[in-house]
PDB file of N, CA and C in Angstrom:
ATOM      1  N   MET A   1      92.737 154.041 187.200  1.00  0.00           N
ATOM      2  CA  MET A   1      92.244 154.230 188.539  1.00  0.00           C
ATOM      3  C   MET A   1      93.320 154.841 189.426  1.00  0.00           C
ATOM      4  N   ALA A   2      94.547 154.397 189.273  1.00  0.00           N
ATOM      5  CA  ALA A   2      95.628 154.916 190.106  1.00  0.00           C
ATOM      6  C   ALA A   2      95.845 156.398 189.827  1.00  0.00           C
ATOM      7  N   LEU A   3      95.707 156.796 188.586  1.00  0.00           N
ATOM      8  CA  LEU A   3      95.875 158.211 188.258  1.00  0.00           C
ATOM      9  C   LEU A   3      94.777 159.047 188.905  1.00  0.00           C
ATOM     10  N   PHE A   4      93.561 158.523 188.934  1.00  0.00           N
ATOM     11  CA  PHE A   4      92.452 159.242 189.542  1.00  0.00           C
ATOM     12  C   PHE A   4      92.689 159.416 191.034  1.00  0.00           C
ATOM     13  N   VAL A   5      93.140 158.372 191.708  1.00  0.00           N
ATOM     14  CA  VAL A   5      93.418 158.449 193.141  1.00  0.00           C
ATOM     15  C   VAL A   5      94.527 159.451 193.389  1.00  0.00           C
ATOM     16  N   LYS A   6      95.553 159.416 192.566  1.00  0.00           N
ATOM     17  CA  LYS A   6      96.658 160.344 192.716  1.00  0.00           C
ATOM     18  C   LYS A   6      96.175 161.775 192.529  1.00  0.00           C
ATOM     19  N   GLN A   7      95.267 161.975 191.581  1.00  0.00           N
ATOM     20  CA  GLN A   7      94.730 163.305 191.331  1.00  0.00           C
ATOM     21  C   GLN A   7      93.942 163.790 192.546  1.00  0.00           C
ATOM     22  N   GLU A   8      93.209 162.901 193.186  1.00  0.00           N
ATOM     23  CA  GLU A   8      92.450 163.267 194.372  1.00  0.00           C
ATOM     24  C   GLU A   8      93.373 163.704 195.504  1.00  0.00           C
ATOM     25  N   GLU A   9      94.521 163.082 195.617  1.00  0.00           N
ATOM     26  CA  GLU A   9      95.447 163.408 196.691  1.00  0.00           C
ATOM     27  C   GLU A   9      96.095 164.773 196.496  1.00  0.00           C
ATOM     28  N   ASN A  10      96.162 165.262 195.276  1.00  0.00           N
ATOM     29  CA  ASN A  10      96.857 166.508 194.986  1.00  0.00           C
ATOM     30  C   ASN A  10      95.893 167.664 194.737  1.00  0.00           C
ATOM     31  N   ARG A  11      94.787 167.683 195.421  1.00  0.00           N
ATOM     32  CA  ARG A  11      93.834 168.777 195.256  1.00  0.00           C
ATOM     33  C   ARG A  11      94.385 170.042 195.897  1.00  0.00           C
ATOM     34  N   SER A  12      94.140 171.129 195.222  1.00  0.00           N
ATOM     35  CA  SER A  12      94.546 172.415 195.785  1.00  0.00           C
ATOM     36  C   SER A  12      93.504 172.839 196.815  1.00  0.00           C
ATOM     37  N   PRO A  13      93.852 173.781 197.666  1.00  0.00           N
ATOM     38  CA  PRO A  13      92.865 174.257 198.662  1.00  0.00           C
ATOM     39  C   PRO A  13      91.601 174.814 198.009  1.00  0.00           C
ATOM     40  N   MET A  14      91.767 175.453 196.847  1.00  0.00           N
ATOM     41  CA  MET A  14      90.598 175.990 196.153  1.00  0.00           C
ATOM     42  C   MET A  14      89.697 174.852 195.663  1.00  0.00           C
ATOM     43  N   GLN A  15      90.291 173.784 195.126  1.00  0.00           N
ATOM     44  CA  GLN A  15      89.507 172.642 194.676  1.00  0.00           C
ATOM     45  C   GLN A  15      88.784 171.994 195.853  1.00  0.00           C
ATOM     46  N   GLU A  16      89.450 171.904 196.989  1.00  0.00           N
ATOM     47  CA  GLU A  16      88.823 171.337 198.190  1.00  0.00           C
ATOM     48  C   GLU A  16      87.621 172.186 198.614  1.00  0.00           C
ATOM     49  N   ARG A  17      87.775 173.511 198.580  1.00  0.00           N
ATOM     50  CA  ARG A  17      86.698 174.411 198.987  1.00  0.00           C
ATOM     51  C   ARG A  17      85.511 174.303 198.029  1.00  0.00           C
ATOM     52  N   ILE A  18      85.790 174.255 196.726  1.00  0.00           N
ATOM     53  CA  ILE A  18      84.718 174.140 195.736  1.00  0.00           C
ATOM     54  C   ILE A  18      83.987 172.811 195.897  1.00  0.00           C
ATOM     55  N   ALA A  19      84.740 171.732 196.097  1.00  0.00           N
ATOM     56  CA  ALA A  19      84.121 170.416 196.289  1.00  0.00           C
ATOM     57  C   ALA A  19      83.242 170.411 197.536  1.00  0.00           C
ATOM     58  N   ALA A  20      83.713 171.035 198.608  1.00  0.00           N
ATOM     59  CA  ALA A  20      82.927 171.093 199.843  1.00  0.00           C
ATOM     60  C   ALA A  20      81.646 171.900 199.638  1.00  0.00           C
ATOM     61  N   GLU A  21      81.740 173.023 198.904  1.00  0.00           N
ATOM     62  CA  GLU A  21      80.553 173.837 198.645  1.00  0.00           C
ATOM     63  C   GLU A  21      79.531 173.078 197.804  1.00  0.00           C
ATOM     64  N   LEU A  22      80.002 172.361 196.794  1.00  0.00           N
ATOM     65  CA  LEU A  22      79.092 171.593 195.953  1.00  0.00           C
ATOM     66  C   LEU A  22      78.411 170.477 196.742  1.00  0.00           C
ATOM     67  N   GLN A  23      79.164 169.836 197.623  1.00  0.00           N
ATOM     68  CA  GLN A  23      78.566 168.789 198.450  1.00  0.00           C
ATOM     69  C   GLN A  23      77.516 169.378 199.386  1.00  0.00           C
ATOM     70  N   GLU A  24      77.789 170.550 199.939  1.00  0.00           N
ATOM     71  CA  GLU A  24      76.832 171.189 200.843  1.00  0.00           C
ATOM     72  C   GLU A  24      75.568 171.594 200.092  1.00  0.00           C
ATOM     73  N   ARG A  25      75.718 172.114 198.878  1.00  0.00           N
ATOM     74  CA  ARG A  25      74.545 172.469 198.070  1.00  0.00           C
ATOM     75  C   ARG A  25      73.714 171.230 197.767  1.00  0.00           C
ATOM     76  N   ALA A  26      74.376 170.127 197.441  1.00  0.00           N
ATOM     77  CA  ALA A  26      73.653 168.885 197.142  1.00  0.00           C
ATOM     78  C   ALA A  26      72.893 168.403 198.377  1.00  0.00           C
ATOM     79  N   ARG A  27      73.485 168.519 199.543  1.00  0.00           N
ATOM     80  CA  ARG A  27      72.796 168.112 200.777  1.00  0.00           C
ATOM     81  C   ARG A  27      71.582 168.993 201.037  1.00  0.00           C
ATOM     82  N   GLN A  28      71.719 170.309 200.814  1.00  0.00           N
ATOM     83  CA  GLN A  28      70.600 171.223 201.048  1.00  0.00           C
ATOM     84  C   GLN A  28      69.464 170.950 200.074  1.00  0.00           C
ATOM     85  N   LYS A  29      69.791 170.683 198.812  1.00  0.00           N
ATOM     86  CA  LYS A  29      68.747 170.383 197.832  1.00  0.00           C
ATOM     87  C   LYS A  29      68.037 169.085 198.182  1.00  0.00           C
ATOM     88  N   ALA A  30      68.784 168.112 198.684  1.00  0.00           N
ATOM     89  CA  ALA A  30      68.169 166.843 199.063  1.00  0.00           C
ATOM     90  C   ALA A  30      67.215 167.037 200.239  1.00  0.00           C
ATOM     91  N   LYS A  31      67.560 167.927 201.157  1.00  0.00           N
ATOM     92  CA  LYS A  31      66.690 168.187 202.305  1.00  0.00           C
ATOM     93  C   LYS A  31      65.446 168.957 201.890  1.00  0.00           C
ATOM     94  N   GLU A  32      65.585 169.868 200.916  1.00  0.00           N
ATOM     95  CA  GLU A  32      64.477 170.713 200.497  1.00  0.00           C
ATOM     96  C   GLU A  32      63.499 170.003 199.572  1.00  0.00           C
ATOM     97  N   ALA A  33      63.908 168.897 198.991  1.00  0.00           N
ATOM     98  CA  ALA A  33      63.051 168.200 198.032  1.00  0.00           C
ATOM     99  C   ALA A  33      61.764 167.758 198.715  1.00  0.00           C
ATOM    100  N   GLU A  34      60.633 168.102 198.091  1.00  0.00           N
ATOM    101  CA  GLU A  34      59.344 167.719 198.657  1.00  0.00           C
ATOM    102  C   GLU A  34      59.016 166.289 198.279  1.00  0.00           C
ATOM    103  N   LEU A  35      58.702 165.513 199.266  1.00  0.00           N
ATOM    104  CA  LEU A  35      58.293 164.131 199.031  1.00  0.00           C
ATOM    105  C   LEU A  35      56.777 164.094 198.878  1.00  0.00           C
ATOM    106  N   PRO A  36      56.267 163.218 198.053  1.00  0.00           N
ATOM    107  CA  PRO A  36      54.811 163.138 197.901  1.00  0.00           C
ATOM    108  C   PRO A  36      54.154 162.717 199.210  1.00  0.00           C
ATOM    109  N   ASP A  37      53.043 163.357 199.527  1.00  0.00           N
ATOM    110  CA  ASP A  37      52.379 163.052 200.794  1.00  0.00           C
ATOM    111  C   ASP A  37      51.327 161.960 200.664  1.00  0.00           C
ATOM    112  N   GLY A  38      50.965 161.610 199.440  1.00  0.00           N
ATOM    113  CA  GLY A  38      50.023 160.523 199.245  1.00  0.00           C
ATOM    114  C   GLY A  38      48.574 160.947 199.342  1.00  0.00           C
ATOM    115  N   ILE A  39      48.314 162.182 199.749  1.00  0.00           N
ATOM    116  CA  ILE A  39      46.933 162.637 199.867  1.00  0.00           C
ATOM    117  C   ILE A  39      46.600 163.571 198.711  1.00  0.00           C
ATOM    118  N   THR A  40      47.311 164.665 198.595  1.00  0.00           N
ATOM    119  CA  THR A  40      47.023 165.604 197.513  1.00  0.00           C
ATOM    120  C   THR A  40      47.512 165.060 196.177  1.00  0.00           C
ATOM    121  N   ASP A  41      48.497 164.197 196.194  1.00  0.00           N
ATOM    122  CA  ASP A  41      49.006 163.639 194.954  1.00  0.00           C
ATOM    123  C   ASP A  41      48.052 162.614 194.353  1.00  0.00           C
ATOM    124  N   SER A  42      47.164 162.081 195.147  1.00  0.00           N
ATOM    125  CA  SER A  42      46.232 161.077 194.636  1.00  0.00           C
ATOM    126  C   SER A  42      44.888 161.692 194.265  1.00  0.00           C
ATOM    127  N   ALA A  43      44.822 163.001 194.150  1.00  0.00           N
ATOM    128  CA  ALA A  43      43.555 163.672 193.835  1.00  0.00           C
ATOM    129  C   ALA A  43      43.052 163.320 192.443  1.00  0.00           C
ATOM    130  N   TYR A  44      43.935 162.898 191.544  1.00  0.00           N
ATOM    131  CA  TYR A  44      43.498 162.571 190.189  1.00  0.00           C
ATOM    132  C   TYR A  44      42.599 161.336 190.160  1.00  0.00           C
ATOM    133  N   ILE A  45      42.553 160.562 191.224  1.00  0.00           N
ATOM    134  CA  ILE A  45      41.744 159.347 191.269  1.00  0.00           C
ATOM    135  C   ILE A  45      40.287 159.655 191.618  1.00  0.00           C
ATOM    136  N   LYS A  46      40.048 160.823 192.202  1.00  0.00           N
ATOM    137  CA  LYS A  46      38.673 161.173 192.593  1.00  0.00           C
ATOM    138  C   LYS A  46      37.766 161.173 191.369  1.00  0.00           C
ATOM    139  N   GLY A  47      36.589 160.629 191.526  1.00  0.00           N
ATOM    140  CA  GLY A  47      35.617 160.606 190.445  1.00  0.00           C
ATOM    141  C   GLY A  47      35.734 159.384 189.547  1.00  0.00           C
ATOM    142  N   THR A  48      36.696 158.534 189.786  1.00  0.00           N
ATOM    143  CA  THR A  48      36.798 157.317 188.985  1.00  0.00           C
ATOM    144  C   THR A  48      36.093 156.186 189.729  1.00  0.00           C
ATOM    145  N   LYS A  49      35.767 155.132 188.999  1.00  0.00           N
ATOM    146  CA  LYS A  49      35.111 154.016 189.669  1.00  0.00           C
ATOM    147  C   LYS A  49      35.966 152.765 189.551  1.00  0.00           C
ATOM    148  N   GLN A  50      35.693 151.824 190.421  1.00  0.00           N
ATOM    149  CA  GLN A  50      36.450 150.579 190.479  1.00  0.00           C
ATOM    150  C   GLN A  50      36.082 149.680 189.300  1.00  0.00           C
ATOM    151  N   THR A  51      37.004 148.809 188.936  1.00  0.00           N
ATOM    152  CA  THR A  51      36.736 147.850 187.868  1.00  0.00           C
ATOM    153  C   THR A  51      35.624 146.913 188.320  1.00  0.00           C
ATOM    154  N   SER A  52      34.692 146.662 187.420  1.00  0.00           N
ATOM    155  CA  SER A  52      33.566 145.805 187.781  1.00  0.00           C
ATOM    156  C   SER A  52      34.011 144.337 187.823  1.00  0.00           C
ATOM    157  N   THR A  53      33.099 143.496 188.287  1.00  0.00           N
ATOM    158  CA  THR A  53      33.408 142.074 188.383  1.00  0.00           C
ATOM    159  C   THR A  53      33.360 141.395 187.018  1.00  0.00           C
ATOM    160  N   LEU A  54      32.883 142.103 186.003  1.00  0.00           N
ATOM    161  CA  LEU A  54      32.812 141.531 184.662  1.00  0.00           C
ATOM    162  C   LEU A  54      34.015 141.913 183.796  1.00  0.00           C
ATOM    163  N   ALA A  55      35.082 142.354 184.403  1.00  0.00           N
ATOM    164  CA  ALA A  55      36.269 142.742 183.642  1.00  0.00           C
ATOM    165  C   ALA A  55      36.832 141.552 182.875  1.00  0.00           C
ATOM    166  N   TRP A  56      36.743 140.385 183.441  1.00  0.00           N
ATOM    167  CA  TRP A  56      37.263 139.186 182.772  1.00  0.00           C
ATOM    168  C   TRP A  56      36.504 138.943 181.464  1.00  0.00           C
ATOM    169  N   ALA A  57      35.207 139.308 181.414  1.00  0.00           N
ATOM    170  CA  ALA A  57      34.417 139.107 180.201  1.00  0.00           C
ATOM    171  C   ALA A  57      34.929 140.014 179.080  1.00  0.00           C
ATOM    172  N   TRP A  58      35.288 141.258 179.412  1.00  0.00           N
ATOM    173  CA  TRP A  58      35.831 142.169 178.400  1.00  0.00           C
ATOM    174  C   TRP A  58      37.175 141.678 177.881  1.00  0.00           C
ATOM    175  N   VAL A  59      37.980 141.120 178.770  1.00  0.00           N
ATOM    176  CA  VAL A  59      39.268 140.552 178.338  1.00  0.00           C
ATOM    177  C   VAL A  59      39.029 139.378 177.399  1.00  0.00           C
ATOM    178  N   ALA A  60      38.080 138.522 177.732  1.00  0.00           N
ATOM    179  CA  ALA A  60      37.763 137.371 176.882  1.00  0.00           C
ATOM    180  C   ALA A  60      37.238 137.827 175.522  1.00  0.00           C
ATOM    181  N   ILE A  61      36.379 138.832 175.508  1.00  0.00           N
ATOM    182  CA  ILE A  61      35.860 139.357 174.243  1.00  0.00           C
ATOM    183  C   ILE A  61      36.999 139.919 173.396  1.00  0.00           C
ATOM    184  N   GLY A  62      37.921 140.623 174.024  1.00  0.00           N
ATOM    185  CA  GLY A  62      39.075 141.168 173.303  1.00  0.00           C
ATOM    186  C   GLY A  62      39.927 140.080 172.685  1.00  0.00           C
ATOM    187  N   VAL A  63      40.164 139.013 173.433  1.00  0.00           N
ATOM    188  CA  VAL A  63      40.968 137.892 172.914  1.00  0.00           C
ATOM    189  C   VAL A  63      40.247 137.231 171.743  1.00  0.00           C
ATOM    190  N   ILE A  64      38.945 137.059 171.849  1.00  0.00           N
ATOM    191  CA  ILE A  64      38.173 136.454 170.763  1.00  0.00           C
ATOM    192  C   ILE A  64      38.224 137.330 169.511  1.00  0.00           C
ATOM    193  N   VAL A  65      38.093 138.631 169.672  1.00  0.00           N
ATOM    194  CA  VAL A  65      38.133 139.545 168.529  1.00  0.00           C
ATOM    195  C   VAL A  65      39.499 139.490 167.849  1.00  0.00           C
ATOM    196  N   VAL A  66      40.557 139.510 168.626  1.00  0.00           N
ATOM    197  CA  VAL A  66      41.907 139.428 168.049  1.00  0.00           C
ATOM    198  C   VAL A  66      42.084 138.096 167.337  1.00  0.00           C
ATOM    199  N   GLY A  67      41.590 137.017 167.924  1.00  0.00           N
ATOM    200  CA  GLY A  67      41.670 135.704 167.285  1.00  0.00           C
ATOM    201  C   GLY A  67      40.916 135.663 165.973  1.00  0.00           C
ATOM    202  N   LEU A  68      39.729 136.258 165.944  1.00  0.00           N
ATOM    203  CA  LEU A  68      38.943 136.299 164.707  1.00  0.00           C
ATOM    204  C   LEU A  68      39.644 137.112 163.619  1.00  0.00           C
ATOM    205  N   VAL A  69      40.244 138.230 163.999  1.00  0.00           N
ATOM    206  CA  VAL A  69      40.960 139.049 163.019  1.00  0.00           C
ATOM    207  C   VAL A  69      42.131 138.266 162.437  1.00  0.00           C
ATOM    208  N   ILE A  70      42.872 137.593 163.277  1.00  0.00           N
ATOM    209  CA  ILE A  70      44.002 136.785 162.790  1.00  0.00           C
ATOM    210  C   ILE A  70      43.499 135.666 161.889  1.00  0.00           C
ATOM    211  N   TRP A  71      42.414 134.993 162.285  1.00  0.00           N
ATOM    212  CA  TRP A  71      41.856 133.914 161.472  1.00  0.00           C
ATOM    213  C   TRP A  71      41.382 134.431 160.104  1.00  0.00           C
ATOM    214  N   LEU A  72      40.742 135.587 160.080  1.00  0.00           N
ATOM    215  CA  LEU A  72      40.289 136.173 158.802  1.00  0.00           C
ATOM    216  C   LEU A  72      41.467 136.544 157.911  1.00  0.00           C
ATOM    217  N   ILE A  73      42.530 137.056 158.478  1.00  0.00           N
ATOM    218  CA  ILE A  73      43.708 137.401 157.694  1.00  0.00           C
ATOM    219  C   ILE A  73      44.320 136.152 157.069  1.00  0.00           C
ATOM    220  N   ILE A  74      44.426 135.108 157.867  1.00  0.00           N
ATOM    221  CA  ILE A  74      45.002 133.847 157.358  1.00  0.00           C
ATOM    222  C   ILE A  74      44.077 133.235 156.303  1.00  0.00           C
ATOM    223  N   ALA A  75      42.763 133.274 156.541  1.00  0.00           N
ATOM    224  CA  ALA A  75      41.802 132.668 155.614  1.00  0.00           C
ATOM    225  C   ALA A  75      41.772 133.401 154.270  1.00  0.00           C
ATOM    226  N   THR A  76      41.935 134.705 154.271  1.00  0.00           N
ATOM    227  CA  THR A  76      41.890 135.442 153.005  1.00  0.00           C
ATOM    228  C   THR A  76      43.224 135.425 152.278  1.00  0.00           C
ATOM    229  N   ALA A  77      44.290 135.033 152.950  1.00  0.00           N
ATOM    230  CA  ALA A  77      45.613 134.996 152.322  1.00  0.00           C
ATOM    231  C   ALA A  77      45.785 133.754 151.452  1.00  0.00           C
ATOM    232  N   LYS A  78      44.966 132.738 151.608  1.00  0.00           N
ATOM    233  CA  LYS A  78      45.117 131.487 150.861  1.00  0.00           C
ATOM    234  C   LYS A  78      44.615 131.590 149.471  1.00  0.00           C
TER     235      LYS A  78
END
């Protein structure tokens, strides 16, 4: 760490200028970056429908099916 600090203290004028230019470019890119507006970015949701109130039934059916598959595997392994 001490060597790094020492290196920072001994920058040449050219290194200082290059570092300043790179920092300025990074600031400009950060300003130019487009942030999502939340309106046009959510267009992929159009045409979809909300989950019905019977979603819990599909989850229960899925759990039962997985349980049956596991039970059949164990039963046929004996």
